[in-house]
PDB file of N, CA and C in Angstrom:
ATOM      1  N   MET A   1       2.095 -22.027  -0.082  1.00  0.00           N
ATOM      2  CA  MET A   1       2.929 -21.042   0.294  1.00  0.00           C
ATOM      3  C   MET A   1       2.458 -20.925   1.973  1.00  0.00           C
ATOM      4  N   THR A   2       3.350 -21.215   2.863  1.00  0.00           N
ATOM      5  CA  THR A   2       3.285 -21.025   4.252  1.00  0.00           C
ATOM      6  C   THR A   2       3.153 -19.368   4.622  1.00  0.00           C
ATOM      7  N   THR A   3       2.210 -19.124   5.372  1.00  0.00           N
ATOM      8  CA  THR A   3       2.456 -18.148   5.773  1.00  0.00           C
ATOM      9  C   THR A   3       2.425 -17.681   7.183  1.00  0.00           C
ATOM     10  N   THR A   4       3.355 -16.807   7.794  1.00  0.00           N
ATOM     11  CA  THR A   4       3.580 -16.659   9.324  1.00  0.00           C
ATOM     12  C   THR A   4       2.985 -15.462   9.735  1.00  0.00           C
ATOM     13  N   THR A   5       2.503 -15.652  11.013  1.00  0.00           N
ATOM     14  CA  THR A   5       1.919 -14.412  11.718  1.00  0.00           C
ATOM     15  C   THR A   5       2.619 -14.296  13.164  1.00  0.00           C
ATOM     16  N   ARG A   6       3.273 -12.994  13.186  1.00  0.00           N
ATOM     17  CA  ARG A   6       3.987 -12.470  14.608  1.00  0.00           C
ATOM     18  C   ARG A   6       3.170 -11.239  15.121  1.00  0.00           C
ATOM     19  N   ALA A   7       3.273 -10.994  16.258  1.00  0.00           N
ATOM     20  CA  ALA A   7       2.665 -10.038  16.953  1.00  0.00           C
ATOM     21  C   ALA A   7       3.899  -9.082  17.370  1.00  0.00           C
ATOM     22  N   ARG A   8       3.691  -7.650  17.370  1.00  0.00           N
ATOM     23  CA  ARG A   8       4.767  -6.810  18.051  1.00  0.00           C
ATOM     24  C   ARG A   8       3.595  -5.791  18.781  1.00  0.00           C
ATOM     25  N   GLY A   9       3.943  -6.215  20.026  1.00  0.00           N
ATOM     26  CA  GLY A   9       2.921  -5.432  21.007  1.00  0.00           C
ATOM     27  C   GLY A   9       1.778  -5.589  20.592  1.00  0.00           C
ATOM     28  N   ARG A  10       0.717  -4.653  20.538  1.00  0.00           N
ATOM     29  CA  ARG A  10      -0.428  -5.230  19.936  1.00  0.00           C
ATOM     30  C   ARG A  10      -0.571  -5.207  18.323  1.00  0.00           C
ATOM     31  N   VAL A  11       0.540  -5.159  17.762  1.00  0.00           N
ATOM     32  CA  VAL A  11       0.452  -5.137  16.286  1.00  0.00           C
ATOM     33  C   VAL A  11       0.472  -6.476  15.527  1.00  0.00           C
ATOM     34  N   ARG A  12      -0.174  -7.099  14.749  1.00  0.00           N
ATOM     35  CA  ARG A  12      -0.430  -8.302  13.932  1.00  0.00           C
ATOM     36  C   ARG A  12       0.513  -8.111  12.785  1.00  0.00           C
ATOM     37  N   VAL A  13       1.302  -9.018  12.165  1.00  0.00           N
ATOM     38  CA  VAL A  13       2.003  -8.874  11.125  1.00  0.00           C
ATOM     39  C   VAL A  13       1.868 -10.113  10.308  1.00  0.00           C
ATOM     40  N   GLU A  14       1.340 -10.544   8.916  1.00  0.00           N
ATOM     41  CA  GLU A  14       1.548 -11.402   8.527  1.00  0.00           C
ATOM     42  C   GLU A  14       1.892 -11.486   6.853  1.00  0.00           C
ATOM     43  N   GLN A  15       2.742 -12.360   6.574  1.00  0.00           N
ATOM     44  CA  GLN A  15       3.101 -12.235   5.019  1.00  0.00           C
ATOM     45  C   GLN A  15       1.837 -12.595   4.415  1.00  0.00           C
ATOM     46  N   GLY A  16       1.882 -11.667   3.271  1.00  0.00           N
ATOM     47  CA  GLY A  16       0.701 -11.876   2.299  1.00  0.00           C
ATOM     48  C   GLY A  16       1.146 -12.616   0.995  1.00  0.00           C
ATOM     49  N   SER A  17       0.002 -13.419   0.451  1.00  0.00           N
ATOM     50  CA  SER A  17       0.280 -14.254  -0.796  1.00  0.00           C
ATOM     51  C   SER A  17      -0.281 -13.787  -1.919  1.00  0.00           C
ATOM     52  N   LYS A  18      -0.753 -12.762  -2.031  1.00  0.00           N
ATOM     53  CA  LYS A  18      -1.311 -12.027  -3.224  1.00  0.00           C
ATOM     54  C   LYS A  18      -0.421 -10.799  -3.941  1.00  0.00           C
ATOM     55  N   ARG A  19      -0.749 -10.923  -5.254  1.00  0.00           N
ATOM     56  CA  ARG A  19      -0.089  -9.692  -5.751  1.00  0.00           C
ATOM     57  C   ARG A  19      -0.584  -8.490  -5.601  1.00  0.00           C
ATOM     58  N   ILE A  20      -0.185  -7.555  -5.056  1.00  0.00           N
ATOM     59  CA  ILE A  20      -0.655  -6.074  -4.913  1.00  0.00           C
ATOM     60  C   ILE A  20      -0.208  -4.806  -5.621  1.00  0.00           C
ATOM     61  N   ARG A  21      -1.121  -4.086  -6.077  1.00  0.00           N
ATOM     62  CA  ARG A  21      -0.407  -2.993  -6.785  1.00  0.00           C
ATOM     63  C   ARG A  21      -1.247  -1.728  -6.412  1.00  0.00           C
ATOM     64  N   ALA A  22      -0.595  -0.690  -6.537  1.00  0.00           N
ATOM     65  CA  ALA A  22      -0.970   0.611  -5.980  1.00  0.00           C
ATOM     66  C   ALA A  22      -0.812   1.718  -7.037  1.00  0.00           C
ATOM     67  N   TYR A  23      -1.729   2.469  -7.545  1.00  0.00           N
ATOM     68  CA  TYR A  23      -1.694   3.441  -8.712  1.00  0.00           C
ATOM     69  C   TYR A  23      -2.150   4.884  -7.966  1.00  0.00           C
ATOM     70  N   LEU A  24      -1.288   5.858  -8.696  1.00  0.00           N
ATOM     71  CA  LEU A  24      -1.842   7.199  -8.554  1.00  0.00           C
ATOM     72  C   LEU A  24      -2.292   8.140  -9.757  1.00  0.00           C
ATOM     73  N   GLY A  25      -3.276   8.186 -10.186  1.00  0.00           N
ATOM     74  CA  GLY A  25      -3.301   8.930 -11.509  1.00  0.00           C
ATOM     75  C   GLY A  25      -3.337   7.951 -12.698  1.00  0.00           C
ATOM     76  N   GLY A  26      -3.691   6.809 -12.502  1.00  0.00           N
ATOM     77  CA  GLY A  26      -3.546   5.812 -13.170  1.00  0.00           C
ATOM     78  C   GLY A  26      -2.043   5.361 -13.621  1.00  0.00           C
ATOM     79  N   GLU A  27      -0.957   5.877 -12.850  1.00  0.00           N
ATOM     80  CA  GLU A  27       0.123   5.090 -12.926  1.00  0.00           C
ATOM     81  C   GLU A  27       0.886   4.215 -11.921  1.00  0.00           C
ATOM     82  N   LEU A  28       1.209   3.310 -12.407  1.00  0.00           N
ATOM     83  CA  LEU A  28       1.800   2.378 -11.435  1.00  0.00           C
ATOM     84  C   LEU A  28       2.862   2.856 -10.544  1.00  0.00           C
ATOM     85  N   VAL A  29       2.660   2.550  -9.171  1.00  0.00           N
ATOM     86  CA  VAL A  29       3.627   3.410  -8.192  1.00  0.00           C
ATOM     87  C   VAL A  29       4.372   2.329  -7.502  1.00  0.00           C
ATOM     88  N   ALA A  30       3.463   0.986  -7.078  1.00  0.00           N
ATOM     89  CA  ALA A  30       3.988   0.145  -6.475  1.00  0.00           C
ATOM     90  C   ALA A  30       3.409  -1.114  -6.624  1.00  0.00           C
ATOM     91  N   ASP A  31       4.226  -2.449  -7.021  1.00  0.00           N
ATOM     92  CA  ASP A  31       3.568  -3.640  -7.405  1.00  0.00           C
ATOM     93  C   ASP A  31       4.760  -4.808  -6.820  1.00  0.00           C
ATOM     94  N   THR A  32       3.890  -5.596  -5.931  1.00  0.00           N
ATOM     95  CA  THR A  32       4.706  -6.415  -5.150  1.00  0.00           C
ATOM     96  C   THR A  32       3.855  -8.020  -4.968  1.00  0.00           C
ATOM     97  N   THR A  33       4.714  -9.048  -4.892  1.00  0.00           N
ATOM     98  CA  THR A  33       4.193 -10.284  -4.663  1.00  0.00           C
ATOM     99  C   THR A  33       4.450 -10.711  -3.290  1.00  0.00           C
ATOM    100  N   ARG A  34       4.978  -9.658  -2.282  1.00  0.00           N
ATOM    101  CA  ARG A  34       5.347  -9.926  -1.168  1.00  0.00           C
ATOM    102  C   ARG A  34       5.141  -9.021  -0.166  1.00  0.00           C
ATOM    103  N   PRO A  35       3.647  -8.908  -0.118  1.00  0.00           N
ATOM    104  CA  PRO A  35       3.178  -7.694   0.841  1.00  0.00           C
ATOM    105  C   PRO A  35       3.263  -8.236   2.211  1.00  0.00           C
ATOM    106  N   MET A  36       3.148  -7.090   3.471  1.00  0.00           N
ATOM    107  CA  MET A  36       3.198  -7.593   4.444  1.00  0.00           C
ATOM    108  C   MET A  36       1.490  -7.011   4.950  1.00  0.00           C
ATOM    109  N   LEU A  37       0.923  -7.764   5.484  1.00  0.00           N
ATOM    110  CA  LEU A  37      -0.470  -7.265   6.154  1.00  0.00           C
ATOM    111  C   LEU A  37      -0.132  -6.960   7.666  1.00  0.00           C
ATOM    112  N   VAL A  38      -0.534  -5.717   7.777  1.00  0.00           N
ATOM    113  CA  VAL A  38      -0.182  -5.169   9.334  1.00  0.00           C
ATOM    114  C   VAL A  38      -1.417  -4.751   9.827  1.00  0.00           C
ATOM    115  N   TRP A  39      -1.883  -5.424  10.962  1.00  0.00           N
ATOM    116  CA  TRP A  39      -3.041  -4.988  11.867  1.00  0.00           C
ATOM    117  C   TRP A  39      -2.387  -4.194  13.033  1.00  0.00           C
ATOM    118  N   GLU A  40      -2.815  -2.637  12.524  1.00  0.00           N
ATOM    119  CA  GLU A  40      -2.485  -1.900  13.786  1.00  0.00           C
ATOM    120  C   GLU A  40      -3.750  -1.360  14.415  1.00  0.00           C
ATOM    121  N   LYS A  41      -4.646  -1.806  13.734  1.00  0.00           N
ATOM    122  CA  LYS A  41      -6.180  -1.592  14.419  1.00  0.00           C
ATOM    123  C   LYS A  41      -6.865  -2.697  14.406  1.00  0.00           C
ATOM    124  N   PRO A  42      -7.281  -3.357  14.994  1.00  0.00           N
ATOM    125  CA  PRO A  42      -7.822  -4.994  15.266  1.00  0.00           C
ATOM    126  C   PRO A  42      -8.527  -5.080  14.171  1.00  0.00           C
ATOM    127  N   TYR A  43      -9.486  -4.484  13.445  1.00  0.00           N
ATOM    128  CA  TYR A  43     -10.300  -5.225  12.485  1.00  0.00           C
ATOM    129  C   TYR A  43      -9.857  -5.187  10.755  1.00  0.00           C
ATOM    130  N   TYR A  44      -8.680  -4.284  10.719  1.00  0.00           N
ATOM    131  CA  TYR A  44      -8.204  -3.688   9.007  1.00  0.00           C
ATOM    132  C   TYR A  44      -7.115  -3.847   9.086  1.00  0.00           C
ATOM    133  N   PRO A  45      -6.448  -4.520   8.185  1.00  0.00           N
ATOM    134  CA  PRO A  45      -5.116  -4.330   8.134  1.00  0.00           C
ATOM    135  C   PRO A  45      -4.712  -3.470   7.137  1.00  0.00           C
ATOM    136  N   THR A  46      -3.345  -3.192   6.799  1.00  0.00           N
ATOM    137  CA  THR A  46      -2.674  -2.210   5.926  1.00  0.00           C
ATOM    138  C   THR A  46      -1.578  -2.953   5.207  1.00  0.00           C
ATOM    139  N   TYR A  47      -1.726  -2.726   3.985  1.00  0.00           N
ATOM    140  CA  TYR A  47      -0.736  -3.591   3.081  1.00  0.00           C
ATOM    141  C   TYR A  47       0.811  -2.525   3.313  1.00  0.00           C
ATOM    142  N   TYR A  48       1.749  -3.341   3.728  1.00  0.00           N
ATOM    143  CA  TYR A  48       3.277  -2.713   3.907  1.00  0.00           C
ATOM    144  C   TYR A  48       3.793  -3.370   2.499  1.00  0.00           C
ATOM    145  N   PHE A  49       4.581  -2.327   1.687  1.00  0.00           N
ATOM    146  CA  PHE A  49       5.232  -2.699   0.649  1.00  0.00           C
ATOM    147  C   PHE A  49       7.016  -3.064   0.844  1.00  0.00           C
ATOM    148  N   PRO A  50       7.483  -3.966   0.342  1.00  0.00           N
ATOM    149  CA  PRO A  50       9.108  -3.807   0.396  1.00  0.00           C
ATOM    150  C   PRO A  50       9.510  -2.376  -0.147  1.00  0.00           C
ATOM    151  N   ALA A  51      10.521  -1.985  -0.056  1.00  0.00           N
ATOM    152  CA  ALA A  51      10.967  -0.552  -0.521  1.00  0.00           C
ATOM    153  C   ALA A  51      11.096  -1.134  -2.019  1.00  0.00           C
ATOM    154  N   ALA A  52      12.149  -2.086  -2.343  1.00  0.00           N
ATOM    155  CA  ALA A  52      12.632  -2.569  -3.623  1.00  0.00           C
ATOM    156  C   ALA A  52      11.248  -2.619  -4.831  1.00  0.00           C
ATOM    157  N   ASP A  53      10.047  -2.675  -4.221  1.00  0.00           N
ATOM    158  CA  ASP A  53       8.951  -2.869  -5.181  1.00  0.00           C
ATOM    159  C   ASP A  53       8.285  -1.669  -5.532  1.00  0.00           C
ATOM    160  N   VAL A  54       8.669  -0.535  -4.840  1.00  0.00           N
ATOM    161  CA  VAL A  54       7.919   0.781  -4.961  1.00  0.00           C
ATOM    162  C   VAL A  54       8.836   1.768  -5.785  1.00  0.00           C
ATOM    163  N   ARG A  55       8.276   2.659  -6.645  1.00  0.00           N
ATOM    164  CA  ARG A  55       8.865   3.145  -7.632  1.00  0.00           C
ATOM    165  C   ARG A  55       9.421   4.243  -7.010  1.00  0.00           C
ATOM    166  N   ALA A  56      10.679   4.382  -6.362  1.00  0.00           N
ATOM    167  CA  ALA A  56      11.265   5.469  -5.804  1.00  0.00           C
ATOM    168  C   ALA A  56      11.276   6.864  -6.550  1.00  0.00           C
ATOM    169  N   ASP A  57      11.684   6.575  -8.119  1.00  0.00           N
ATOM    170  CA  ASP A  57      11.559   7.762  -8.835  1.00  0.00           C
ATOM    171  C   ASP A  57      10.093   8.631  -8.874  1.00  0.00           C
ATOM    172  N   LEU A  58       9.536   8.387  -8.160  1.00  0.00           N
ATOM    173  CA  LEU A  58       8.069   8.742  -8.048  1.00  0.00           C
ATOM    174  C   LEU A  58       7.559   9.246  -6.607  1.00  0.00           C
ATOM    175  N   LEU A  59       8.704   9.327  -5.612  1.00  0.00           N
ATOM    176  CA  LEU A  59       8.741   9.786  -4.453  1.00  0.00           C
ATOM    177  C   LEU A  59       9.541  11.119  -4.121  1.00  0.00           C
ATOM    178  N   ILE A  60       9.175  12.011  -3.449  1.00  0.00           N
ATOM    179  CA  ILE A  60       9.792  13.424  -2.870  1.00  0.00           C
ATOM    180  C   ILE A  60       9.897  13.264  -1.262  1.00  0.00           C
ATOM    181  N   GLU A  61      11.223  13.289  -0.942  1.00  0.00           N
ATOM    182  CA  GLU A  61      11.252  13.219   0.381  1.00  0.00           C
ATOM    183  C   GLU A  61      10.918  14.310   1.032  1.00  0.00           C
ATOM    184  N   GLU A  62      10.038  14.549   2.352  1.00  0.00           N
ATOM    185  CA  GLU A  62       9.453  16.035   2.703  1.00  0.00           C
ATOM    186  C   GLU A  62      10.217  16.235   3.568  1.00  0.00           C
ATOM    187  N   GLY A  63      11.265  15.238   4.026  1.00  0.00           N
ATOM    188  CA  GLY A  63      12.096  16.103   5.168  1.00  0.00           C
ATOM    189  C   GLY A  63      11.503  16.038   6.770  1.00  0.00           C
ATOM    190  N   CYS A  64      10.530  15.169   6.610  1.00  0.00           N
ATOM    191  CA  CYS A  64       9.744  15.366   8.231  1.00  0.00           C
ATOM    192  C   CYS A  64       9.882  13.809   8.632  1.00  0.00           C
ATOM    193  N   LEU A  65       9.466  13.307   9.789  1.00  0.00           N
ATOM    194  CA  LEU A  65       9.199  12.220  10.588  1.00  0.00           C
ATOM    195  C   LEU A  65       7.969  11.953  10.736  1.00  0.00           C
ATOM    196  N   ALA A  66       7.261  10.926  10.592  1.00  0.00           N
ATOM    197  CA  ALA A  66       6.091  10.388  11.370  1.00  0.00           C
ATOM    198  C   ALA A  66       6.438   9.420  12.180  1.00  0.00           C
ATOM    199  N   HIS A  67       5.783   9.661  13.516  1.00  0.00           N
ATOM    200  CA  HIS A  67       6.060   8.301  14.413  1.00  0.00           C
ATOM    201  C   HIS A  67       4.546   7.270  14.686  1.00  0.00           C
ATOM    202  N   ALA A  68       4.958   6.405  14.961  1.00  0.00           N
ATOM    203  CA  ALA A  68       3.898   5.476  15.197  1.00  0.00           C
ATOM    204  C   ALA A  68       4.586   4.456  16.455  1.00  0.00           C
ATOM    205  N   PRO A  69       3.775   4.545  17.531  1.00  0.00           N
ATOM    206  CA  PRO A  69       4.181   3.746  18.813  1.00  0.00           C
ATOM    207  C   PRO A  69       4.703   2.361  18.446  1.00  0.00           C
ATOM    208  N   SER A  70       3.702   1.857  17.485  1.00  0.00           N
ATOM    209  CA  SER A  70       4.086   0.129  17.225  1.00  0.00           C
ATOM    210  C   SER A  70       5.756   0.204  16.121  1.00  0.00           C
ATOM    211  N   CYS A  71       5.535   1.146  15.561  1.00  0.00           N
ATOM    212  CA  CYS A  71       6.619   1.084  14.391  1.00  0.00           C
ATOM    213  C   CYS A  71       7.775   1.601  14.346  1.00  0.00           C
ATOM    214  N   GLY A  72       7.763   2.710  15.373  1.00  0.00           N
ATOM    215  CA  GLY A  72       8.902   3.951  15.533  1.00  0.00           C
ATOM    216  C   GLY A  72       8.677   4.785  14.398  1.00  0.00           C
ATOM    217  N   ASP A  73       9.966   5.428  13.913  1.00  0.00           N
ATOM    218  CA  ASP A  73       9.705   6.767  13.101  1.00  0.00           C
ATOM    219  C   ASP A  73       9.987   6.427  11.725  1.00  0.00           C
ATOM    220  N   ALA A  74       9.351   6.868  10.756  1.00  0.00           N
ATOM    221  CA  ALA A  74       9.211   6.895   9.439  1.00  0.00           C
ATOM    222  C   ALA A  74       9.585   8.345   8.660  1.00  0.00           C
ATOM    223  N   LYS A  75      10.285   8.234   7.641  1.00  0.00           N
ATOM    224  CA  LYS A  75      10.539   9.347   6.653  1.00  0.00           C
ATOM    225  C   LYS A  75       9.040   9.390   5.997  1.00  0.00           C
ATOM    226  N   THR A  76       8.718  10.470   5.570  1.00  0.00           N
ATOM    227  CA  THR A  76       7.493  10.751   4.816  1.00  0.00           C
ATOM    228  C   THR A  76       8.026  11.278   3.606  1.00  0.00           C
ATOM    229  N   TYR A  77       6.949  10.831   2.716  1.00  0.00           N
ATOM    230  CA  TYR A  77       7.334  10.947   1.373  1.00  0.00           C
ATOM    231  C   TYR A  77       5.823  11.586   0.434  1.00  0.00           C
ATOM    232  N   THR A  78       5.982  12.556  -0.554  1.00  0.00           N
ATOM    233  CA  THR A  78       5.081  12.811  -1.628  1.00  0.00           C
ATOM    234  C   THR A  78       5.228  11.959  -2.789  1.00  0.00           C
ATOM    235  N   SER A  79       4.111  11.415  -3.013  1.00  0.00           N
ATOM    236  CA  SER A  79       4.084  10.763  -4.646  1.00  0.00           C
ATOM    237  C   SER A  79       3.688  11.590  -5.597  1.00  0.00           C
ATOM    238  N   ASN A  80       4.272  11.615  -6.584  1.00  0.00           N
ATOM    239  CA  ASN A  80       4.062  12.425  -7.856  1.00  0.00           C
ATOM    240  C   ASN A  80       4.091  11.652  -9.169  1.00  0.00           C
ATOM    241  N   ALA A  81       2.743  10.977  -9.536  1.00  0.00           N
ATOM    242  CA  ALA A  81       2.564  10.063 -10.392  1.00  0.00           C
ATOM    243  C   ALA A  81       1.166  10.582 -11.101  1.00  0.00           C
ATOM    244  N   GLY A  82       1.305  10.187 -12.334  1.00  0.00           N
ATOM    245  CA  GLY A  82       0.163  10.383 -13.325  1.00  0.00           C
ATOM    246  C   GLY A  82      -0.529  11.900 -13.478  1.00  0.00           C
ATOM    247  N   GLY A  83       0.481  12.761 -13.052  1.00  0.00           N
ATOM    248  CA  GLY A  83      -0.263  14.242 -13.042  1.00  0.00           C
ATOM    249  C   GLY A  83      -0.987  14.559 -11.951  1.00  0.00           C
ATOM    250  N   GLU A  84      -0.845  13.652 -10.864  1.00  0.00           N
ATOM    251  CA  GLU A  84      -1.329  14.070  -9.444  1.00  0.00           C
ATOM    252  C   GLU A  84      -0.233  14.083  -8.651  1.00  0.00           C
ATOM    253  N   GLN A  85      -0.756  14.817  -7.387  1.00  0.00           N
ATOM    254  CA  GLN A  85       0.363  14.349  -6.247  1.00  0.00           C
ATOM    255  C   GLN A  85      -0.333  14.648  -5.043  1.00  0.00           C
ATOM    256  N   ARG A  86       0.401  13.453  -4.290  1.00  0.00           N
ATOM    257  CA  ARG A  86      -0.181  13.152  -2.553  1.00  0.00           C
ATOM    258  C   ARG A  86       0.745  13.313  -1.591  1.00  0.00           C
ATOM    259  N   ALA A  87       0.674  14.428  -0.827  1.00  0.00           N
ATOM    260  CA  ALA A  87       1.848  14.504   0.053  1.00  0.00           C
ATOM    261  C   ALA A  87       1.314  13.567   1.288  1.00  0.00           C
ATOM    262  N   GLY A  88       2.330  12.884   2.061  1.00  0.00           N
ATOM    263  CA  GLY A  88       2.417  12.111   2.814  1.00  0.00           C
ATOM    264  C   GLY A  88       1.573  10.585   2.379  1.00  0.00           C
ATOM    265  N   ALA A  89       2.011  10.133   1.063  1.00  0.00           N
ATOM    266  CA  ALA A  89       1.527   8.955   0.491  1.00  0.00           C
ATOM    267  C   ALA A  89       2.215   8.120   0.892  1.00  0.00           C
ATOM    268  N   ALA A  90       3.463   8.097   1.217  1.00  0.00           N
ATOM    269  CA  ALA A  90       4.304   7.095   1.445  1.00  0.00           C
ATOM    270  C   ALA A  90       5.048   7.534   2.624  1.00  0.00           C
ATOM    271  N   LEU A  91       5.260   6.200   3.391  1.00  0.00           N
ATOM    272  CA  LEU A  91       6.059   6.393   5.042  1.00  0.00           C
ATOM    273  C   LEU A  91       7.324   5.181   4.650  1.00  0.00           C
ATOM    274  N   LEU A  92       8.570   5.562   5.177  1.00  0.00           N
ATOM    275  CA  LEU A  92       9.378   4.784   5.315  1.00  0.00           C
ATOM    276  C   LEU A  92       9.988   4.326   6.597  1.00  0.00           C
ATOM    277  N   TYR A  93       9.861   2.961   6.785  1.00  0.00           N
ATOM    278  CA  TYR A  93      10.231   2.486   8.227  1.00  0.00           C
ATOM    279  C   TYR A  93      11.621   2.251   8.327  1.00  0.00           C
TER     280      TYR A  93
END
């Protein structure tokens, strides 16, 4: 698989090649084979999931926006899964 890297300002973005899963309270919230690795801070990447690979039925829109200089505005969501709730657990850019 060919990976591409591109930079947006000081942000580096790379197509991941591993399967990544995210759980809350033991319940699967996201599962993808198409993650994006995003380096907003130079040394540690963050996984970004395609929206189609996240269980939207477990997210509750908070009705506020978060702003990142490198990514723009994002809607914030609370994740409610496995009997646990995490405010601000998901951002949708």
